[in-house]
């Protein structure tokens, strides 16, 4: 199995508690730690679990299509389709996670400024935490 050493990009994302870094499933650079915790959540991403989310996605998709028609079909102006799809994604995630949409699609607005906040966060994180590879895979055979 090919494993790559993860860059310091991940360390920057770790929380710090009482002066000690607190790795998470997403921020650890320790492969064993990552494997141990990934096992705990693997079942949530199995196909048998994913198909159970389908009714939530379907409910939000029906509302998305209905609102798309109501707000944008035969209406003057334009649809910021990137933002509209982002609203859809956040509402799907809300329905899957909390059995309740956040209301982005119903209100056609950035609920509680969540999208604006994440945009600002990513504008900060991108230059501060650029991904760097400390080792790259090669196709070269290792010497015996």
C-alpha atoms as a PDB file:
ATOM      1  CA  UNK A   1       0.000   0.000   0.000  1.00  0.00           C
ATOM      2  CA  UNK A   2       1.322   3.412  -0.970  1.00  0.00           C
ATOM      3  CA  UNK A   3       1.253   5.993   1.799  1.00  0.00           C
ATOM      4  CA  UNK A   4       2.238   9.610   1.520  1.00  0.00           C
ATOM      5  CA  UNK A   5       3.624  11.749   4.287  1.00  0.00           C
ATOM      6  CA  UNK A   6       1.147  14.551   4.761  1.00  0.00           C
ATOM      7  CA  UNK A   7       2.349  18.120   4.656  1.00  0.00           C
ATOM      8  CA  UNK A   8       2.268  20.709   7.428  1.00  0.00           C
ATOM      9  CA  UNK A   9      -0.947  22.004   5.843  1.00  0.00           C
ATOM     10  CA  UNK A  10      -2.847  19.587   8.110  1.00  0.00           C
ATOM     11  CA  UNK A  11      -1.062  20.612  11.304  1.00  0.00           C
ATOM     12  CA  UNK A  12      -2.175  24.245  10.855  1.00  0.00           C
ATOM     13  CA  UNK A  13      -5.792  23.065  10.976  1.00  0.00           C
ATOM     14  CA  UNK A  14      -5.450  21.327  14.338  1.00  0.00           C
ATOM     15  CA  UNK A  15      -7.078  22.870  17.381  1.00  0.00           C
ATOM     16  CA  UNK A  16      -4.830  23.800  20.284  1.00  0.00           C
ATOM     17  CA  UNK A  17      -5.940  22.997  23.821  1.00  0.00           C
ATOM     18  CA  UNK A  18      -3.793  24.082  26.781  1.00  0.00           C
ATOM     19  CA  UNK A  19      -0.803  24.458  24.490  1.00  0.00           C
ATOM     20  CA  UNK A  20      -1.117  21.010  22.911  1.00  0.00           C
ATOM     21  CA  UNK A  21      -2.350  20.333  19.390  1.00  0.00           C
ATOM     22  CA  UNK A  22      -5.515  18.287  19.148  1.00  0.00           C
ATOM     23  CA  UNK A  23      -5.589  16.307  15.923  1.00  0.00           C
ATOM     24  CA  UNK A  24      -8.858  15.264  14.351  1.00  0.00           C
ATOM     25  CA  UNK A  25      -9.811  12.809  11.650  1.00  0.00           C
ATOM     26  CA  UNK A  26      -9.223  15.561   9.080  1.00  0.00           C
ATOM     27  CA  UNK A  27      -6.160  17.266  10.533  1.00  0.00           C
ATOM     28  CA  UNK A  28      -3.980  14.406  11.717  1.00  0.00           C
ATOM     29  CA  UNK A  29      -0.743  13.537   9.971  1.00  0.00           C
ATOM     30  CA  UNK A  30      -0.526  10.199  11.793  1.00  0.00           C
ATOM     31  CA  UNK A  31      -1.713   7.415   9.485  1.00  0.00           C
ATOM     32  CA  UNK A  32      -2.462   4.995  12.353  1.00  0.00           C
ATOM     33  CA  UNK A  33      -4.534   7.618  14.202  1.00  0.00           C
ATOM     34  CA  UNK A  34      -6.395   8.397  10.975  1.00  0.00           C
ATOM     35  CA  UNK A  35      -7.130   4.721  10.245  1.00  0.00           C
ATOM     36  CA  UNK A  36      -8.397   4.112  13.789  1.00  0.00           C
ATOM     37  CA  UNK A  37     -10.852   7.000  13.706  1.00  0.00           C
ATOM     38  CA  UNK A  38     -11.869   6.448  10.112  1.00  0.00           C
ATOM     39  CA  UNK A  39     -13.071   2.983  11.072  1.00  0.00           C
ATOM     40  CA  UNK A  40     -15.511   4.638  13.490  1.00  0.00           C
ATOM     41  CA  UNK A  41     -17.257   6.574  10.724  1.00  0.00           C
ATOM     42  CA  UNK A  42     -16.855   4.248   7.727  1.00  0.00           C
ATOM     43  CA  UNK A  43     -20.314   2.733   8.155  1.00  0.00           C
ATOM     44  CA  UNK A  44     -21.952   6.151   7.688  1.00  0.00           C
ATOM     45  CA  UNK A  45     -20.551   6.236   4.144  1.00  0.00           C
ATOM     46  CA  UNK A  46     -21.387   2.670   3.149  1.00  0.00           C
ATOM     47  CA  UNK A  47     -23.816   2.362   0.252  1.00  0.00           C
ATOM     48  CA  UNK A  48     -26.452   0.843   2.553  1.00  0.00           C
ATOM     49  CA  UNK A  49     -26.320   4.003   4.696  1.00  0.00           C
ATOM     50  CA  UNK A  50     -26.166   6.418   1.764  1.00  0.00           C
ATOM     51  CA  UNK A  51     -29.375   5.102   0.190  1.00  0.00           C
ATOM     52  CA  UNK A  52     -31.178   5.921   3.439  1.00  0.00           C
ATOM     53  CA  UNK A  53     -30.395   9.604   2.802  1.00  0.00           C
ATOM     54  CA  UNK A  54     -32.122   9.548  -0.580  1.00  0.00           C
ATOM     55  CA  UNK A  55     -35.583  10.638   0.679  1.00  0.00           C
ATOM     56  CA  UNK A  56     -33.978  13.727   2.284  1.00  0.00           C
ATOM     57  CA  UNK A  57     -32.222  14.597  -0.957  1.00  0.00           C
ATOM     58  CA  UNK A  58     -35.442  13.989  -2.905  1.00  0.00           C
ATOM     59  CA  UNK A  59     -37.454  16.333  -0.630  1.00  0.00           C
ATOM     60  CA  UNK A  60     -34.949  19.131  -1.047  1.00  0.00           C
ATOM     61  CA  UNK A  61     -34.631  18.502  -4.793  1.00  0.00           C
ATOM     62  CA  UNK A  62     -38.414  18.833  -5.231  1.00  0.00           C
ATOM     63  CA  UNK A  63     -38.387  22.130  -3.363  1.00  0.00           C
ATOM     64  CA  UNK A  64     -35.318  23.291  -5.318  1.00  0.00           C
ATOM     65  CA  UNK A  65     -37.037  22.640  -8.654  1.00  0.00           C
ATOM     66  CA  UNK A  66     -40.285  24.259  -7.489  1.00  0.00           C
ATOM     67  CA  UNK A  67     -38.472  27.355  -6.221  1.00  0.00           C
ATOM     68  CA  UNK A  68     -36.289  27.520  -9.349  1.00  0.00           C
ATOM     69  CA  UNK A  69     -39.434  27.649 -11.472  1.00  0.00           C
ATOM     70  CA  UNK A  70     -41.192  30.144  -9.176  1.00  0.00           C
ATOM     71  CA  UNK A  71     -38.225  32.507  -8.825  1.00  0.00           C
ATOM     72  CA  UNK A  72     -36.453  32.323 -12.166  1.00  0.00           C
ATOM     73  CA  UNK A  73     -38.628  30.960 -14.980  1.00  0.00           C
ATOM     74  CA  UNK A  74     -40.180  33.692 -17.125  1.00  0.00           C
ATOM     75  CA  UNK A  75     -38.899  36.360 -14.718  1.00  0.00           C
ATOM     76  CA  UNK A  76     -36.712  39.307 -15.603  1.00  0.00           C
ATOM     77  CA  UNK A  77     -33.215  39.234 -14.153  1.00  0.00           C
ATOM     78  CA  UNK A  78     -30.775  36.455 -13.699  1.00  0.00           C
ATOM     79  CA  UNK A  79     -30.099  33.543 -11.423  1.00  0.00           C
ATOM     80  CA  UNK A  80     -26.713  33.301  -9.729  1.00  0.00           C
ATOM     81  CA  UNK A  81     -26.685  29.562 -10.376  1.00  0.00           C
ATOM     82  CA  UNK A  82     -23.476  28.963  -8.422  1.00  0.00           C
ATOM     83  CA  UNK A  83     -25.021  30.495  -5.318  1.00  0.00           C
ATOM     84  CA  UNK A  84     -28.365  28.790  -5.968  1.00  0.00           C
ATOM     85  CA  UNK A  85     -26.655  25.377  -6.094  1.00  0.00           C
ATOM     86  CA  UNK A  86     -24.733  26.230  -2.935  1.00  0.00           C
ATOM     87  CA  UNK A  87     -28.042  27.010  -1.213  1.00  0.00           C
ATOM     88  CA  UNK A  88     -29.322  23.623  -2.403  1.00  0.00           C
ATOM     89  CA  UNK A  89     -26.244  21.836  -1.063  1.00  0.00           C
ATOM     90  CA  UNK A  90     -26.518  23.475   2.366  1.00  0.00           C
ATOM     91  CA  UNK A  91     -30.217  22.630   2.600  1.00  0.00           C
ATOM     92  CA  UNK A  92     -29.578  18.991   1.607  1.00  0.00           C
ATOM     93  CA  UNK A  93     -26.873  18.745   4.267  1.00  0.00           C
ATOM     94  CA  UNK A  94     -29.216  20.293   6.827  1.00  0.00           C
ATOM     95  CA  UNK A  95     -32.007  17.891   6.003  1.00  0.00           C
ATOM     96  CA  UNK A  96     -29.703  14.861   6.166  1.00  0.00           C
ATOM     97  CA  UNK A  97     -28.005  16.004   9.365  1.00  0.00           C
ATOM     98  CA  UNK A  98     -30.874  17.580  11.332  1.00  0.00           C
ATOM     99  CA  UNK A  99     -33.956  16.422   9.394  1.00  0.00           C
ATOM    100  CA  UNK A 100     -34.556  20.119   8.739  1.00  0.00           C
ATOM    101  CA  UNK A 101     -33.393  22.390   5.946  1.00  0.00           C
ATOM    102  CA  UNK A 102     -31.630  25.622   6.902  1.00  0.00           C
ATOM    103  CA  UNK A 103     -34.028  27.626   4.699  1.00  0.00           C
ATOM    104  CA  UNK A 104     -31.656  28.818   1.980  1.00  0.00           C
ATOM    105  CA  UNK A 105     -33.960  27.644  -0.816  1.00  0.00           C
ATOM    106  CA  UNK A 106     -37.203  28.791   0.812  1.00  0.00           C
ATOM    107  CA  UNK A 107     -35.831  32.270   1.486  1.00  0.00           C
ATOM    108  CA  UNK A 108     -33.479  32.514  -1.523  1.00  0.00           C
ATOM    109  CA  UNK A 109     -30.893  34.138   0.721  1.00  0.00           C
ATOM    110  CA  UNK A 110     -27.741  33.432   2.659  1.00  0.00           C
ATOM    111  CA  UNK A 111     -29.219  32.294   5.970  1.00  0.00           C
ATOM    112  CA  UNK A 112     -27.311  33.781   8.912  1.00  0.00           C
ATOM    113  CA  UNK A 113     -24.498  34.788   6.551  1.00  0.00           C
ATOM    114  CA  UNK A 114     -23.138  31.237   6.458  1.00  0.00           C
ATOM    115  CA  UNK A 115     -22.090  31.338   2.798  1.00  0.00           C
ATOM    116  CA  UNK A 116     -20.500  34.789   3.190  1.00  0.00           C
ATOM    117  CA  UNK A 117     -18.590  33.605   6.260  1.00  0.00           C
ATOM    118  CA  UNK A 118     -17.259  30.521   4.482  1.00  0.00           C
ATOM    119  CA  UNK A 119     -16.233  32.616   1.490  1.00  0.00           C
ATOM    120  CA  UNK A 120     -14.190  34.875   3.783  1.00  0.00           C
ATOM    121  CA  UNK A 121     -12.777  31.854   5.622  1.00  0.00           C
ATOM    122  CA  UNK A 122     -11.607  30.233   2.379  1.00  0.00           C
ATOM    123  CA  UNK A 123     -10.068  33.502   1.192  1.00  0.00           C
ATOM    124  CA  UNK A 124      -8.032  33.455   4.414  1.00  0.00           C
ATOM    125  CA  UNK A 125      -7.227  29.746   4.506  1.00  0.00           C
ATOM    126  CA  UNK A 126      -6.100  29.449   0.877  1.00  0.00           C
ATOM    127  CA  UNK A 127      -2.975  31.628   1.188  1.00  0.00           C
ATOM    128  CA  UNK A 128      -2.294  30.790   4.848  1.00  0.00           C
ATOM    129  CA  UNK A 129      -2.513  27.020   4.453  1.00  0.00           C
ATOM    130  CA  UNK A 130      -1.367  26.174   0.935  1.00  0.00           C
ATOM    131  CA  UNK A 131      -1.136  22.442   0.364  1.00  0.00           C
ATOM    132  CA  UNK A 132       2.445  21.263   0.054  1.00  0.00           C
ATOM    133  CA  UNK A 133       3.607  17.786  -0.714  1.00  0.00           C
ATOM    134  CA  UNK A 134       6.592  16.635   1.263  1.00  0.00           C
ATOM    135  CA  UNK A 135       6.822  13.493  -0.802  1.00  0.00           C
ATOM    136  CA  UNK A 136       5.309  12.488  -4.098  1.00  0.00           C
ATOM    137  CA  UNK A 137       4.543   8.955  -5.257  1.00  0.00           C
ATOM    138  CA  UNK A 138       6.741   7.585  -7.982  1.00  0.00           C
ATOM    139  CA  UNK A 139       6.526   4.576 -10.207  1.00  0.00           C
ATOM    140  CA  UNK A 140      10.119   3.664  -9.509  1.00  0.00           C
ATOM    141  CA  UNK A 141      10.778   0.267  -7.991  1.00  0.00           C
ATOM    142  CA  UNK A 142      12.280   0.391  -4.517  1.00  0.00           C
ATOM    143  CA  UNK A 143      15.687  -1.274  -4.126  1.00  0.00           C
ATOM    144  CA  UNK A 144      15.675  -4.574  -2.241  1.00  0.00           C
END
